[in-house]
Amino acid sequence: MCLPTCPTYDDTKLERNSPRGRISLMRAIADGNLEATKEFGKEMYFCLGCLACETACPANVDYAHMFETARSEVERSGQLDTPKRTIIRTLTLRFLFMRPRLLRFIGRLLWIYQATGFQSLFRALHLNRLLPRDFRELEPITPTVRSKFSHQLIAPTEKPPAGAKRKVALLTGCVQDLVLPEINRDTADVLLANDCEVFTPPVQPCCGSLHGHNGELELARTLARQQIDLIDPFGVDAIISNAGGCGSHLRHYDRLLEDDPIYREPAAEWSRKLKDIHEYLVEIGFRKPLAAPLSGPVTYHESCHLSHGQHIVSQPREILRSIPGIQLVELPESQWCCGSAGIYNITQPEMAAKLQKRKMNHIQHTGAPIAATANPGCHLQLENGAINENLSLRVAHPITLLAEAYRAEKNASPQNGNR
């Protein structure tokens, strides 16, 4: 049942590229019948980790756990190590994404490079031809860094005017903090509109998803401890994530720290309190907006880790359908991976490009000018796909559309002089 849901098997029709084949390889190594070879390492990193196989599996096989453990074994064995790969992983996973202030500093430098026009000049003069091949291929998909990051848009504590019924902590992410911070502001506004006091620590570490999915489980544990030290899970009603990939990892702090005598209990409470924003709004009975900031069709692409990893499927649709003027058009293969898959579009650009094109063809088929999605990787992948296909498409988080509806409602209220 899992084979038809696997994007890599669908493309190659090779058993080794299927969930069943990969599990067979994992079991052979776990049983001592096979060594972790270079070919095994390549296969584990050819897997998208989209978890569609989990949704299809009637036996509820925990592929996500096995997948992360297998990649950790690949890194432990060093089968894929090269000087170039080691340098890149050290600079990114072990250095840059372990230091949120440094990440913001690099983001600010990139913003200056883009805002001053140097990036446009660099491209106009075709200077990218001077870059090494790998960087030359990546340069066109460099995301646009925003002028303000999340901590400049959201105060550490914000309260609704009429008083709060509940208190939540808002996670702002690392990549989203730099390139899509307005989604975090929109999330805070929606929570405020639903009577929540919002606690948003201004400097937040990476959640560890990037590390956990790429074989660095000890670094993922370190980041989990930092998050728990920053946000006391016993002191809030919920911990809110608005990114599908991050949320899927954040839910498993209990498993990640189950052998830690100090953090075991708070990690279990963290996992109990962790809520996806759509899930939480539906749970508390969110207020339906009355105004229509836009009208027409909107389609919805499901983040793999939101739908398959967290099983959040109906809630985003319920929120989208609650917005006046929106006509939700179902996207064919809405749960099929778009090819972003964390950093998959960087490490496996050929397969990622195939999946991106397949996704964009389906979006074009709906005729919707807006595609909603709830993960920063998917968001950027769809935006780049629209550019590649010369498609006029707005990509937006469902919560952004809800926030816009609330603002339109407020602007249309009598106290603002509008009816």
Protein backbone atom coordinates (compact mmCIF):
# COMPACT_ATOMS: atom_id res chain seq x y z
CA MET A 1 0.00 0.00 0.00
CA CYS A 2 2.89 2.36 0.63
CA LEU A 3 4.49 2.01 -2.80
CA PRO A 4 2.00 4.14 -4.80
CA THR A 5 2.33 6.96 -2.24
CA CYS A 6 6.13 7.20 -2.46
CA PRO A 7 7.30 9.95 -4.87
CA THR A 8 10.76 8.43 -5.43
CA TYR A 9 9.39 4.93 -6.11
CA ASP A 10 6.75 6.44 -8.39
CA ASP A 11 9.53 8.00 -10.44
CA THR A 12 12.08 5.15 -10.56
CA LYS A 13 9.98 2.01 -9.92
CA LEU A 14 13.01 0.59 -8.05
CA GLU A 15 12.33 -1.40 -4.89
CA ARG A 16 15.29 0.17 -3.10
CA ASN A 17 13.70 3.59 -3.65
CA SER A 18 10.49 2.55 -1.88
CA PRO A 19 9.57 2.58 1.84
CA ARG A 20 9.47 -1.22 1.83
CA GLY A 21 12.91 -1.44 0.27
CA ARG A 22 14.41 1.12 2.63
CA ILE A 23 12.96 -0.61 5.68
CA SER A 24 14.44 -3.88 4.45
CA LEU A 25 17.86 -2.22 4.25
CA MET A 26 17.45 -0.71 7.72
CA ARG A 27 16.46 -4.06 9.19
CA ALA A 28 19.44 -5.82 7.58
CA ILE A 29 21.79 -3.33 9.23
CA ALA A 30 19.96 -3.46 12.59
CA ASP A 31 20.17 -7.28 12.55
CA GLY A 32 23.88 -7.20 11.72
CA ASN A 33 23.43 -8.77 8.29
CA LEU A 34 24.61 -5.70 6.39
CA GLU A 35 27.07 -2.90 7.05
CA ALA A 36 26.15 0.75 6.63
CA THR A 37 27.70 1.37 3.22
CA LYS A 38 27.98 4.42 1.01
CA GLU A 39 25.11 3.10 -1.12
CA PHE A 40 22.95 2.76 1.97
CA GLY A 41 23.76 6.37 2.90
CA LYS A 42 22.84 7.62 -0.56
CA GLU A 43 19.53 5.76 -0.40
CA MET A 44 18.61 7.24 2.98
CA TYR A 45 19.25 10.74 1.66
CA PHE A 46 17.39 10.04 -1.59
CA CYS A 47 14.29 9.51 0.55
CA LEU A 48 12.24 12.70 0.89
CA GLY A 49 11.10 11.85 4.39
CA CYS A 50 7.64 13.02 3.37
CA LEU A 51 6.00 10.29 5.52
CA ALA A 52 3.24 9.60 2.98
CA CYS A 53 4.03 5.94 3.56
CA GLU A 54 3.04 6.31 7.21
CA THR A 55 -0.39 7.59 6.27
CA ALA A 56 -0.87 4.69 3.86
CA CYS A 57 0.42 1.99 6.23
CA PRO A 58 -2.35 -0.05 7.91
CA ALA A 59 0.16 -1.37 10.47
CA ASN A 60 1.12 2.13 11.67
CA VAL A 61 4.82 1.56 11.07
CA ASP A 62 6.79 4.46 12.62
CA TYR A 63 8.86 5.21 9.53
CA ALA A 64 9.81 8.70 10.76
CA HIS A 65 11.66 7.32 13.77
CA MET A 66 13.44 4.65 11.71
CA PHE A 67 14.29 7.19 9.02
CA GLU A 68 15.95 9.58 11.49
CA THR A 69 17.79 6.74 13.22
CA ALA A 70 19.04 5.41 9.86
CA ARG A 71 20.38 8.80 8.83
CA SER A 72 22.05 9.09 12.23
CA GLU A 73 23.75 5.74 11.55
CA VAL A 74 24.90 7.01 8.15
CA GLU A 75 26.55 10.00 9.83
CA ARG A 76 28.05 7.85 12.59
CA SER A 77 29.58 5.50 10.05
CA GLY A 78 31.01 8.37 8.02
CA GLN A 79 30.27 6.60 4.74
CA LEU A 80 29.27 9.80 2.95
CA ASP A 81 32.00 11.98 4.43
CA THR A 82 34.03 14.12 2.06
CA PRO A 83 36.00 17.28 2.91
CA LYS A 84 33.43 19.45 1.12
CA ARG A 85 30.43 17.78 2.77
CA THR A 86 32.04 17.95 6.21
CA ILE A 87 32.78 21.65 5.85
CA ILE A 88 29.24 22.46 4.71
CA ARG A 89 27.61 20.44 7.50
CA THR A 90 29.94 21.93 10.09
CA LEU A 91 29.27 25.51 9.00
CA THR A 92 25.50 25.05 8.76
CA LEU A 93 24.17 22.34 11.07
CA ARG A 94 26.85 22.47 13.75
CA PHE A 95 27.60 26.18 13.76
CA LEU A 96 25.16 28.56 12.02
CA PHE A 97 21.88 26.85 12.96
CA MET A 98 23.03 26.42 16.55
CA ARG A 99 23.41 30.20 17.02
CA PRO A 100 20.23 32.23 16.38
CA ARG A 101 21.94 35.62 16.73
CA LEU A 102 24.59 34.66 14.19
CA LEU A 103 21.89 33.38 11.83
CA ARG A 104 20.12 36.73 12.07
CA PHE A 105 23.42 38.54 11.44
CA ILE A 106 24.00 36.53 8.26
CA GLY A 107 20.39 37.20 7.31
CA ARG A 108 20.93 40.93 7.78
CA LEU A 109 24.01 40.85 5.53
CA LEU A 110 22.00 39.03 2.87
CA TRP A 111 19.21 41.62 3.20
CA ILE A 112 21.72 44.44 2.64
CA TYR A 113 23.07 42.60 -0.41
CA GLN A 114 19.54 42.30 -1.83
CA ALA A 115 18.13 45.70 -0.76
CA THR A 116 21.04 47.72 -2.14
CA GLY A 117 20.63 46.17 -5.59
CA PHE A 118 23.88 44.21 -5.55
CA GLN A 119 22.02 40.95 -6.10
CA SER A 120 20.21 42.37 -9.14
CA LEU A 121 23.48 43.72 -10.53
CA PHE A 122 25.23 40.40 -9.86
CA ARG A 123 22.57 38.61 -11.87
CA ALA A 124 22.36 41.23 -14.63
CA LEU A 125 26.11 40.94 -15.23
CA HIS A 126 25.83 37.12 -15.20
CA LEU A 127 28.50 36.94 -12.52
CA ASN A 128 26.90 33.75 -11.26
CA ARG A 129 28.90 32.05 -14.02
CA LEU A 130 31.95 32.61 -11.82
CA LEU A 131 30.49 30.57 -8.98
CA PRO A 132 31.20 26.87 -8.47
CA ARG A 133 28.58 24.72 -10.19
CA ASP A 134 26.68 23.78 -7.01
CA PHE A 135 26.35 27.41 -5.90
CA ARG A 136 25.57 28.56 -9.44
CA GLU A 137 22.54 26.25 -9.50
CA LEU A 138 21.39 27.36 -6.03
CA GLU A 139 21.75 31.12 -6.52
CA PRO A 140 18.45 31.65 -8.41
CA ILE A 141 16.43 30.20 -5.52
CA THR A 142 18.00 32.43 -2.86
CA PRO A 143 15.03 33.58 -0.75
CA THR A 144 14.34 37.27 -0.23
CA VAL A 145 15.19 38.31 3.32
CA ARG A 146 12.75 40.74 4.95
CA SER A 147 13.79 44.12 6.35
CA LYS A 148 12.38 43.25 9.78
CA PHE A 149 12.58 39.94 11.59
CA SER A 150 10.00 38.47 13.97
CA HIS A 151 11.32 40.13 17.13
CA GLN A 152 10.98 43.51 15.41
CA LEU A 153 7.34 42.81 14.53
CA ILE A 154 6.13 41.08 17.70
CA ALA A 155 6.59 42.25 21.29
CA PRO A 156 7.71 39.60 23.83
CA THR A 157 4.25 39.70 25.43
CA GLU A 158 1.06 40.91 23.77
CA LYS A 159 -2.43 40.84 25.30
CA PRO A 160 -5.88 41.20 23.71
CA PRO A 161 -7.66 44.48 24.61
CA ALA A 162 -10.63 42.75 26.22
CA GLY A 163 -8.48 40.46 28.38
CA ALA A 164 -7.01 37.04 27.81
CA LYS A 165 -8.80 33.74 28.33
CA ARG A 166 -5.64 31.71 27.79
CA LYS A 167 -1.86 32.15 27.44
CA VAL A 168 0.17 30.66 24.60
CA ALA A 169 3.80 30.67 23.52
CA LEU A 170 4.51 31.37 19.85
CA LEU A 171 7.44 29.73 18.05
CA THR A 172 8.90 31.85 15.25
CA GLY A 173 11.30 29.38 13.63
CA CYS A 174 14.69 30.13 12.08
CA VAL A 175 14.27 30.35 8.30
CA GLN A 176 10.74 31.72 8.63
CA ASP A 177 12.03 34.34 11.06
CA LEU A 178 14.22 35.76 8.28
CA VAL A 179 12.23 35.31 5.09
CA LEU A 180 8.57 35.08 6.16
CA PRO A 181 8.32 36.89 9.53
CA GLU A 182 4.99 38.41 8.52
CA ILE A 183 3.45 34.95 8.94
CA ASN A 184 4.52 35.04 12.59
CA ARG A 185 2.98 38.50 12.98
CA ASP A 186 -0.23 37.25 11.37
CA THR A 187 -0.25 34.26 13.73
CA ALA A 188 0.10 36.54 16.76
CA ASP A 189 -2.73 38.75 15.47
CA VAL A 190 -5.05 35.78 14.96
CA LEU A 191 -4.31 34.48 18.45
CA LEU A 192 -4.97 37.94 19.93
CA ALA A 193 -8.26 38.10 18.02
CA ASN A 194 -9.21 34.85 19.73
CA ASP A 195 -8.55 36.10 23.26
CA CYS A 196 -5.05 34.66 23.73
CA GLU A 197 -2.16 36.32 25.49
CA VAL A 198 0.85 35.70 23.26
CA PHE A 199 4.34 35.13 24.67
CA THR A 200 7.01 35.30 21.96
CA PRO A 201 10.63 35.09 23.14
CA PRO A 202 12.63 37.52 20.96
CA VAL A 203 15.62 35.18 20.44
CA GLN A 204 14.64 31.58 19.78
CA PRO A 205 16.92 28.69 18.83
CA CYS A 206 16.22 26.41 15.88
CA CYS A 207 13.71 23.73 16.85
CA GLY A 208 16.18 21.01 15.81
CA SER A 209 14.09 19.66 12.94
CA LEU A 210 16.87 20.32 10.45
CA HIS A 211 19.31 18.41 12.66
CA GLY A 212 16.99 15.54 13.52
CA HIS A 213 16.14 14.95 9.87
CA ASN A 214 19.80 15.01 8.86
CA GLY A 215 21.32 12.55 11.30
CA GLU A 216 22.45 14.96 14.03
CA LEU A 217 20.31 13.67 16.88
CA GLU A 218 22.61 14.90 19.66
CA LEU A 219 22.46 18.45 18.32
CA ALA A 220 18.68 18.08 18.05
CA ARG A 221 18.59 17.12 21.74
CA THR A 222 20.71 20.14 22.67
CA LEU A 223 18.31 22.46 20.84
CA ALA A 224 15.30 20.78 22.44
CA ARG A 225 16.76 21.47 25.89
CA GLN A 226 17.35 25.11 24.92
CA GLN A 227 13.74 25.48 23.79
CA ILE A 228 12.43 24.00 27.04
CA ASP A 229 14.70 26.30 29.06
CA LEU A 230 13.34 29.27 27.11
CA ILE A 231 9.64 28.35 27.27
CA ASP A 232 8.35 26.63 30.39
CA PRO A 233 5.73 24.20 29.09
CA PHE A 234 4.05 24.15 32.50
CA GLY A 235 3.53 27.92 32.34
CA VAL A 236 1.38 28.16 29.21
CA ASP A 237 -1.84 26.65 27.91
CA ALA A 238 -0.29 25.79 24.55
CA ILE A 239 2.90 26.10 22.55
CA ILE A 240 2.04 27.19 19.02
CA SER A 241 3.83 26.18 15.84
CA ASN A 242 2.78 27.52 12.44
CA ALA A 243 5.29 25.56 10.33
CA GLY A 244 4.39 21.99 9.35
CA GLY A 245 7.95 20.62 9.28
CA CYS A 246 8.96 22.21 12.56
CA GLY A 247 5.77 21.16 14.32
CA SER A 248 6.21 17.52 13.34
CA HIS A 249 9.62 17.48 15.04
CA LEU A 250 8.58 19.61 18.01
CA ARG A 251 5.85 17.11 18.91
CA HIS A 252 8.49 14.47 19.63
CA TYR A 253 10.61 16.20 22.25
CA ASP A 254 9.27 13.56 24.67
CA ARG A 255 10.83 10.77 22.60
CA LEU A 256 13.97 12.76 21.88
CA LEU A 257 14.66 13.36 25.61
CA GLU A 258 13.10 10.24 27.12
CA ASP A 259 16.48 9.12 28.51
CA ASP A 260 17.31 12.51 30.04
CA PRO A 261 16.45 12.41 33.77
CA ILE A 262 16.31 16.22 34.04
CA TYR A 263 14.35 17.02 30.89
CA ARG A 264 12.19 13.90 30.57
CA GLU A 265 9.19 15.32 32.43
CA PRO A 266 9.19 18.84 30.92
CA ALA A 267 9.76 17.31 27.47
CA ALA A 268 6.66 15.15 27.93
CA GLU A 269 4.68 18.25 28.94
CA TRP A 270 6.09 20.14 25.97
CA SER A 271 4.89 17.45 23.56
CA ARG A 272 1.48 17.49 25.22
CA LYS A 273 1.19 21.29 24.90
CA LEU A 274 2.62 21.58 21.36
CA LYS A 275 -0.17 22.54 18.97
CA ASP A 276 -0.24 23.42 15.32
CA ILE A 277 -1.95 26.81 14.91
CA HIS A 278 -4.80 25.39 12.80
CA GLU A 279 -5.35 22.56 15.24
CA TYR A 280 -5.42 24.94 18.21
CA LEU A 281 -7.81 27.42 16.65
CA VAL A 282 -10.31 24.69 15.84
CA GLU A 283 -9.94 23.23 19.35
CA ILE A 284 -10.79 26.55 21.05
CA GLY A 285 -13.59 27.36 18.60
CA PHE A 286 -12.03 30.24 16.69
CA ARG A 287 -14.12 33.26 15.79
CA LYS A 288 -15.33 33.20 12.19
CA PRO A 289 -14.49 36.46 10.38
CA LEU A 290 -17.30 38.60 8.99
CA ALA A 291 -15.46 40.59 6.32
CA ALA A 292 -14.25 39.46 2.90
CA PRO A 293 -10.78 40.84 2.11
CA LEU A 294 -10.69 38.89 -1.15
CA SER A 295 -12.98 36.76 -3.26
CA GLY A 296 -12.52 33.89 -5.63
CA PRO A 297 -10.88 30.48 -5.69
CA VAL A 298 -8.07 29.44 -3.35
CA THR A 299 -6.38 26.06 -3.45
CA TYR A 300 -4.50 24.34 -0.63
CA HIS A 301 -1.23 22.41 -0.82
CA GLU A 302 -0.67 20.26 2.25
CA SER A 303 2.73 20.30 3.91
CA CYS A 304 3.88 16.67 4.14
CA HIS A 305 4.82 16.91 7.79
CA LEU A 306 1.61 18.74 8.64
CA SER A 307 -0.65 16.15 7.01
CA HIS A 308 1.39 12.93 7.30
CA GLY A 309 3.56 13.79 10.32
CA GLN A 310 0.97 15.63 12.45
CA HIS A 311 -2.26 14.39 10.84
CA ILE A 312 -3.56 17.95 10.55
CA VAL A 313 -5.76 17.71 7.45
CA SER A 314 -9.26 19.07 8.01
CA GLN A 315 -8.41 22.04 10.25
CA PRO A 316 -6.65 24.26 7.66
CA ARG A 317 -9.54 23.63 5.28
CA GLU A 318 -12.04 24.56 7.98
CA ILE A 319 -10.22 27.85 8.53
CA LEU A 320 -10.06 28.62 4.81
CA ARG A 321 -13.76 27.83 4.33
CA SER A 322 -14.64 30.16 7.22
CA ILE A 323 -13.30 33.20 5.36
CA PRO A 324 -16.07 35.04 3.47
CA GLY A 325 -15.47 35.31 -0.25
CA ILE A 326 -13.08 32.38 -0.50
CA GLN A 327 -14.00 29.39 -2.64
CA LEU A 328 -11.77 26.48 -1.66
CA VAL A 329 -10.82 24.44 -4.73
CA GLU A 330 -9.31 21.07 -3.88
CA LEU A 331 -5.84 20.54 -5.30
CA PRO A 332 -5.24 17.21 -7.09
CA GLU A 333 -2.61 15.25 -5.16
CA SER A 334 -2.71 17.88 -2.41
CA GLN A 335 -0.71 15.56 -0.11
CA TRP A 336 1.95 14.76 -2.74
CA CYS A 337 5.33 16.29 -1.84
CA CYS A 338 6.28 19.51 -3.64
CA GLY A 339 9.99 18.62 -3.56
CA SER A 340 11.11 21.04 -0.86
CA ALA A 341 11.35 18.47 1.96
CA GLY A 342 13.60 20.51 4.24
CA ILE A 343 16.81 20.88 2.24
CA TYR A 344 15.97 18.16 -0.32
CA ASN A 345 15.70 20.73 -3.12
CA ILE A 346 19.33 21.59 -2.36
CA THR A 347 20.73 18.07 -1.92
CA GLN A 348 18.60 16.36 -4.62
CA PRO A 349 17.77 19.16 -7.10
CA GLU A 350 16.83 16.88 -10.02
CA MET A 351 14.13 14.92 -8.17
CA ALA A 352 12.98 18.09 -6.37
CA ALA A 353 12.51 19.85 -9.71
CA LYS A 354 10.36 17.00 -11.05
CA LEU A 355 8.11 17.15 -8.00
CA GLN A 356 7.93 20.94 -8.16
CA LYS A 357 6.80 20.87 -11.79
CA ARG A 358 4.20 18.19 -11.04
CA LYS A 359 2.84 20.31 -8.20
CA MET A 360 2.73 23.49 -10.28
CA ASN A 361 0.86 21.70 -13.07
CA HIS A 362 -1.83 20.69 -10.58
CA ILE A 363 -2.07 24.23 -9.19
CA GLN A 364 -2.47 25.63 -12.69
CA HIS A 365 -5.22 23.07 -13.31
CA THR A 366 -7.27 24.48 -10.40
CA GLY A 367 -7.24 27.99 -11.90
CA ALA A 368 -6.80 29.46 -8.42
CA PRO A 369 -4.71 32.67 -8.20
CA ILE A 370 -3.84 31.88 -4.56
CA ALA A 371 -2.22 28.74 -3.20
CA ALA A 372 -2.29 28.34 0.57
CA THR A 373 0.31 26.27 2.38
CA ALA A 374 1.57 26.05 5.95
CA ASN A 375 5.30 25.40 5.81
CA PRO A 376 8.10 27.83 4.87
CA GLY A 377 9.90 25.28 2.69
CA CYS A 378 6.73 24.55 0.71
CA HIS A 379 5.99 28.28 0.53
CA LEU A 380 9.34 29.08 -1.09
CA GLN A 381 9.19 26.01 -3.34
CA LEU A 382 5.81 27.06 -4.71
CA GLU A 383 6.95 30.66 -5.21
CA ASN A 384 10.02 29.51 -7.13
CA GLY A 385 7.86 27.10 -9.11
CA ALA A 386 5.54 29.94 -10.10
CA ILE A 387 8.54 31.92 -11.34
CA ASN A 388 9.81 28.92 -13.32
CA GLU A 389 6.40 28.40 -14.92
CA ASN A 390 5.81 32.14 -15.47
CA LEU A 391 2.64 31.74 -13.41
CA SER A 392 0.91 34.63 -11.65
CA LEU A 393 0.37 33.03 -8.26
CA ARG A 394 0.19 34.31 -4.72
CA VAL A 395 1.40 31.87 -2.09
CA ALA A 396 0.00 32.51 1.39
CA HIS A 397 -0.29 30.80 4.76
CA PRO A 398 -3.92 30.00 5.69
CA ILE A 399 -3.40 32.02 8.88
CA THR A 400 -2.32 35.04 6.82
CA LEU A 401 -5.62 34.90 4.93
CA LEU A 402 -7.51 34.63 8.23
CA ALA A 403 -5.55 37.57 9.68
CA GLU A 404 -6.38 39.65 6.60
CA ALA A 405 -10.07 38.84 7.09
CA TYR A 406 -9.93 39.96 10.72
CA ARG A 407 -8.22 43.21 9.69
CA ALA A 408 -10.77 43.86 6.96
CA GLU A 409 -13.49 43.29 9.52
CA LYS A 410 -11.88 45.79 11.88
CA ASN A 411 -11.40 48.40 9.14
CA ALA A 412 -15.03 48.08 8.15
CA SER A 413 -16.35 48.58 11.70
CA PRO A 414 -18.42 51.72 12.49
CA GLN A 415 -15.83 53.10 14.94
CA ASN A 416 -13.42 53.43 12.02
CA GLY A 417 -15.91 55.52 10.07
CA ASN A 418 -16.58 52.83 7.48
CA ARG A 419 -19.66 50.75 6.92
